[in-house]
Protein backbone atom coordinates (compact mmCIF):
# COMPACT_ATOMS: atom_id res chain seq x y z
CA MET A 1 265.91 -7.46 25.72
CA ASP A 2 268.87 -5.32 26.78
CA PRO A 3 269.64 -5.41 30.55
CA LEU A 4 269.59 -1.60 30.67
CA GLN A 5 266.08 -1.60 29.22
CA ILE A 6 265.00 -4.05 31.91
CA LEU A 7 266.52 -1.74 34.52
CA ASP A 8 264.72 1.26 32.99
CA ILE A 9 261.40 -0.58 33.08
CA ALA A 10 262.03 -1.65 36.69
CA PHE A 11 262.76 1.94 37.76
CA LEU A 12 259.68 3.21 35.94
CA GLY A 13 257.57 0.54 37.65
CA MET A 14 258.91 1.49 41.08
CA LEU A 15 258.35 5.19 40.37
CA LEU A 16 254.77 4.47 39.31
CA ALA A 17 254.11 2.36 42.42
CA VAL A 18 255.49 5.07 44.73
CA ALA A 19 253.46 7.75 42.91
CA PHE A 20 250.24 5.75 43.41
CA ALA A 21 251.12 5.23 47.08
CA ILE A 22 251.68 8.99 47.51
CA VAL A 23 248.26 9.75 46.02
CA ARG A 24 246.42 7.17 48.13
CA ILE A 25 247.97 7.73 51.60
CA ASN A 26 246.41 10.21 54.05
CA SER A 27 249.35 10.41 56.49
CA LEU A 28 251.34 13.53 55.65
CA PHE A 29 254.52 12.13 57.23
CA ALA A 30 254.29 9.03 55.00
CA VAL A 31 253.69 11.26 51.97
CA VAL A 32 256.80 13.33 52.73
CA MET A 33 258.92 10.20 53.21
CA LEU A 34 257.59 8.60 50.01
CA THR A 35 258.32 11.82 48.13
CA GLY A 36 261.95 11.50 49.26
CA VAL A 37 261.95 7.86 48.10
CA TYR A 38 260.55 8.97 44.73
CA SER A 39 263.40 11.49 44.39
CA LEU A 40 266.03 8.89 45.25
CA LEU A 41 264.57 6.45 42.71
CA SER A 42 264.58 9.25 40.12
CA ALA A 43 268.22 10.01 40.92
CA ALA A 44 269.16 6.34 40.55
CA TRP A 45 267.34 6.18 37.22
CA PHE A 46 269.17 9.30 36.02
CA VAL A 47 272.47 7.56 36.83
CA VAL A 48 271.40 4.60 34.69
CA LEU A 49 270.59 7.06 31.88
CA ASP A 50 274.14 8.54 32.18
CA ALA A 51 272.83 11.88 33.47
CA VAL A 52 274.93 11.96 36.63
CA ASP A 53 274.77 15.75 36.99
CA VAL A 54 270.96 15.65 36.97
CA ALA A 55 271.07 12.73 39.44
CA PHE A 56 273.20 14.77 41.88
CA THR A 57 270.77 17.67 41.65
CA GLU A 58 267.74 15.43 42.14
CA ALA A 59 269.31 13.70 45.13
CA ALA A 60 270.39 16.96 46.77
CA VAL A 61 267.30 19.05 46.06
CA GLY A 62 264.55 16.45 45.72
CA ALA A 63 265.51 13.96 48.41
CA GLY A 64 267.55 16.25 50.65
CA ILE A 65 266.45 19.86 50.87
CA SER A 66 262.82 19.35 49.82
CA THR A 67 262.28 16.56 52.33
CA VAL A 68 263.72 18.64 55.17
CA LEU A 69 261.66 21.69 54.19
CA MET A 70 258.45 19.63 53.89
CA LEU A 71 259.08 18.04 57.30
CA GLY A 72 259.54 21.52 58.75
CA ALA A 73 256.34 22.77 57.10
CA MET A 74 254.49 19.66 58.26
CA LEU A 75 255.07 20.75 61.87
CA LEU A 76 252.64 23.61 61.22
CA THR A 77 249.82 21.42 59.89
CA ALA A 78 247.72 18.44 60.90
CA ARG A 79 249.20 14.96 60.66
CA GLU A 80 246.44 13.47 58.51
CA ALA A 81 245.04 14.85 55.28
CA LYS A 82 241.28 15.01 54.97
CA PRO A 83 240.08 12.87 52.06
CA PRO A 84 238.94 15.14 49.21
CA LYS A 85 235.45 14.94 47.78
CA PHE A 86 235.07 13.24 44.41
CA ARG A 87 234.14 16.50 42.70
CA GLN A 88 237.43 18.05 43.85
CA GLN A 89 239.38 15.23 42.20
CA ILE A 90 237.87 15.57 38.71
CA GLY A 91 239.90 18.68 37.71
CA PRO A 92 243.33 17.31 38.73
CA LEU A 93 242.49 13.93 37.18
CA PHE A 94 241.56 15.58 33.87
CA ALA A 95 244.75 17.71 33.95
CA ALA A 96 246.91 14.61 34.58
CA ILE A 97 245.23 12.63 31.78
CA ALA A 98 245.51 15.56 29.34
CA THR A 99 249.19 16.09 30.17
CA GLY A 100 249.91 12.36 29.75
CA ALA A 101 248.09 12.33 26.40
CA LEU A 102 250.10 15.34 25.19
CA LEU A 103 253.35 13.67 26.22
CA PHE A 104 252.45 10.48 24.36
CA TYR A 105 251.46 12.59 21.35
CA ALA A 106 254.91 14.26 21.35
CA LEU A 107 256.81 11.00 21.88
CA PRO A 108 257.25 10.10 18.17
CA ASP A 109 259.03 13.43 17.58
CA MET A 110 261.74 12.59 20.11
CA PRO A 111 265.10 11.47 18.69
CA ALA A 112 266.10 7.85 19.19
CA TYR A 113 267.88 7.13 22.46
CA GLY A 114 271.65 7.61 21.93
CA SER A 115 271.22 8.78 18.34
CA ALA A 116 274.23 10.64 16.91
CA ASP A 117 271.82 12.83 14.92
CA SER A 118 269.96 14.10 18.00
CA PRO A 119 270.19 17.87 18.67
CA ALA A 120 272.16 17.25 21.88
CA ASN A 121 274.87 15.42 19.94
CA SER A 122 275.03 17.44 16.74
CA TYR A 123 275.09 21.16 17.52
CA VAL A 124 276.58 22.87 20.57
CA GLY A 125 277.24 19.56 22.35
CA ALA A 126 279.75 18.50 19.71
CA GLU A 127 281.58 21.83 20.05
CA TYR A 128 281.75 21.42 23.84
CA LEU A 129 283.25 17.96 23.42
CA GLU A 130 285.90 19.25 21.02
CA ARG A 131 286.83 22.51 22.79
CA THR A 132 286.67 21.53 26.48
CA SER A 133 290.07 19.84 26.65
CA GLU A 134 291.77 22.84 25.00
CA GLU A 135 289.91 25.69 26.72
CA ILE A 136 289.09 24.36 30.19
CA HIS A 137 291.69 21.58 30.71
CA MET A 138 289.22 19.42 32.61
CA PRO A 139 288.61 15.75 31.82
CA ASN A 140 284.90 15.75 32.78
CA VAL A 141 282.97 17.62 30.09
CA VAL A 142 279.75 17.87 32.12
CA THR A 143 281.56 19.53 35.02
CA ALA A 144 283.35 21.88 32.61
CA VAL A 145 280.05 22.92 31.02
CA LEU A 146 278.29 23.47 34.36
CA ALA A 147 281.17 25.25 36.09
CA SER A 148 282.63 27.25 33.20
CA TYR A 149 280.47 27.65 30.11
CA ARG A 150 277.25 27.82 32.16
CA GLY A 151 278.82 29.13 35.35
CA TYR A 152 276.43 32.08 35.79
CA ASP A 153 273.44 29.79 35.27
CA THR A 154 274.73 27.36 37.91
CA LEU A 155 275.40 30.25 40.29
CA GLY A 156 271.85 31.50 39.73
CA GLU A 157 270.37 28.08 40.49
CA THR A 158 272.44 27.87 43.68
CA VAL A 159 271.27 31.32 44.78
CA VAL A 160 267.62 30.36 44.18
CA ILE A 161 267.94 27.19 46.27
CA PHE A 162 269.78 29.04 49.05
CA THR A 163 267.16 31.82 49.07
CA ALA A 164 264.32 29.29 49.27
CA GLY A 165 266.00 27.56 52.22
CA VAL A 166 266.61 30.83 54.08
CA ALA A 167 263.03 31.97 53.40
CA MET A 168 261.66 28.70 54.81
CA LEU A 169 263.85 29.00 57.90
CA LEU A 170 262.67 32.58 58.40
CA LEU A 171 259.02 31.55 58.02
CA LEU A 172 259.41 28.69 60.49
CA GLY A 173 261.31 30.93 62.91
CA ALA A 174 258.72 33.73 62.68
CA SER A 175 255.88 31.37 63.66
CA GLY A 176 257.74 29.98 66.65
CA ALA A 177 258.04 26.48 65.18
CA GLY A 178 261.78 26.50 65.75
CA ALA A 179 261.27 26.72 69.52
CA GLY A 180 258.54 24.08 69.56
CA GLY A 181 255.65 26.56 69.41
CA GLY A 182 254.41 25.25 66.09
CA VAL A 183 254.22 21.67 67.33
CA SER A 184 252.19 22.55 70.43
CA ALA A 185 249.92 24.85 68.41
CA THR A 186 249.28 22.07 65.92
CA ARG A 187 248.52 19.58 68.67
CA LYS A 188 246.15 22.07 70.29
CA ARG A 189 244.30 22.50 66.98
CA GLU A 190 244.02 18.70 66.60
CA GLU A 191 242.67 18.37 70.15
CA ASP A 192 240.11 21.12 69.54
CA GLU A 193 238.81 19.29 66.46
């Protein structure tokens, strides 16, 4: 077996173990931290798959911004999640199983990994590879595509992330959590229960 395949299987196993831990733990702080770990593992796996641009995005947004925003939102809630009733778990379980079955059903239609005939390598991707050195004069094709050919798309994604961060800061500031009011209010609610 190829060493990269062993590494892929190892990353998938770690991602699966972290996902099961996230589902089973009641501590919201532990869930937030494990979600950050899941994002970092995903970013490392994307690097192994030669998708460094996706890995940077996953590390910055998934492990960085999302973890900080979830920690800020956690200040406004209880520290422990109440265990759901079994009847409340049937719908999400069915949705997860159905989604997994659909993904496995679609798997045979995927092109072979690294295939030269795949759509990513045979249509627009081939043109980007040929024209980037002449039009953009940048050695990294992925950076040239993201910053030049898809510049407006990248700018839009950046604006969305910035807007979400500012909105979260405004929400936390409006409730008084920034000055410690949210923490004391949460503790008071926990004491009352």
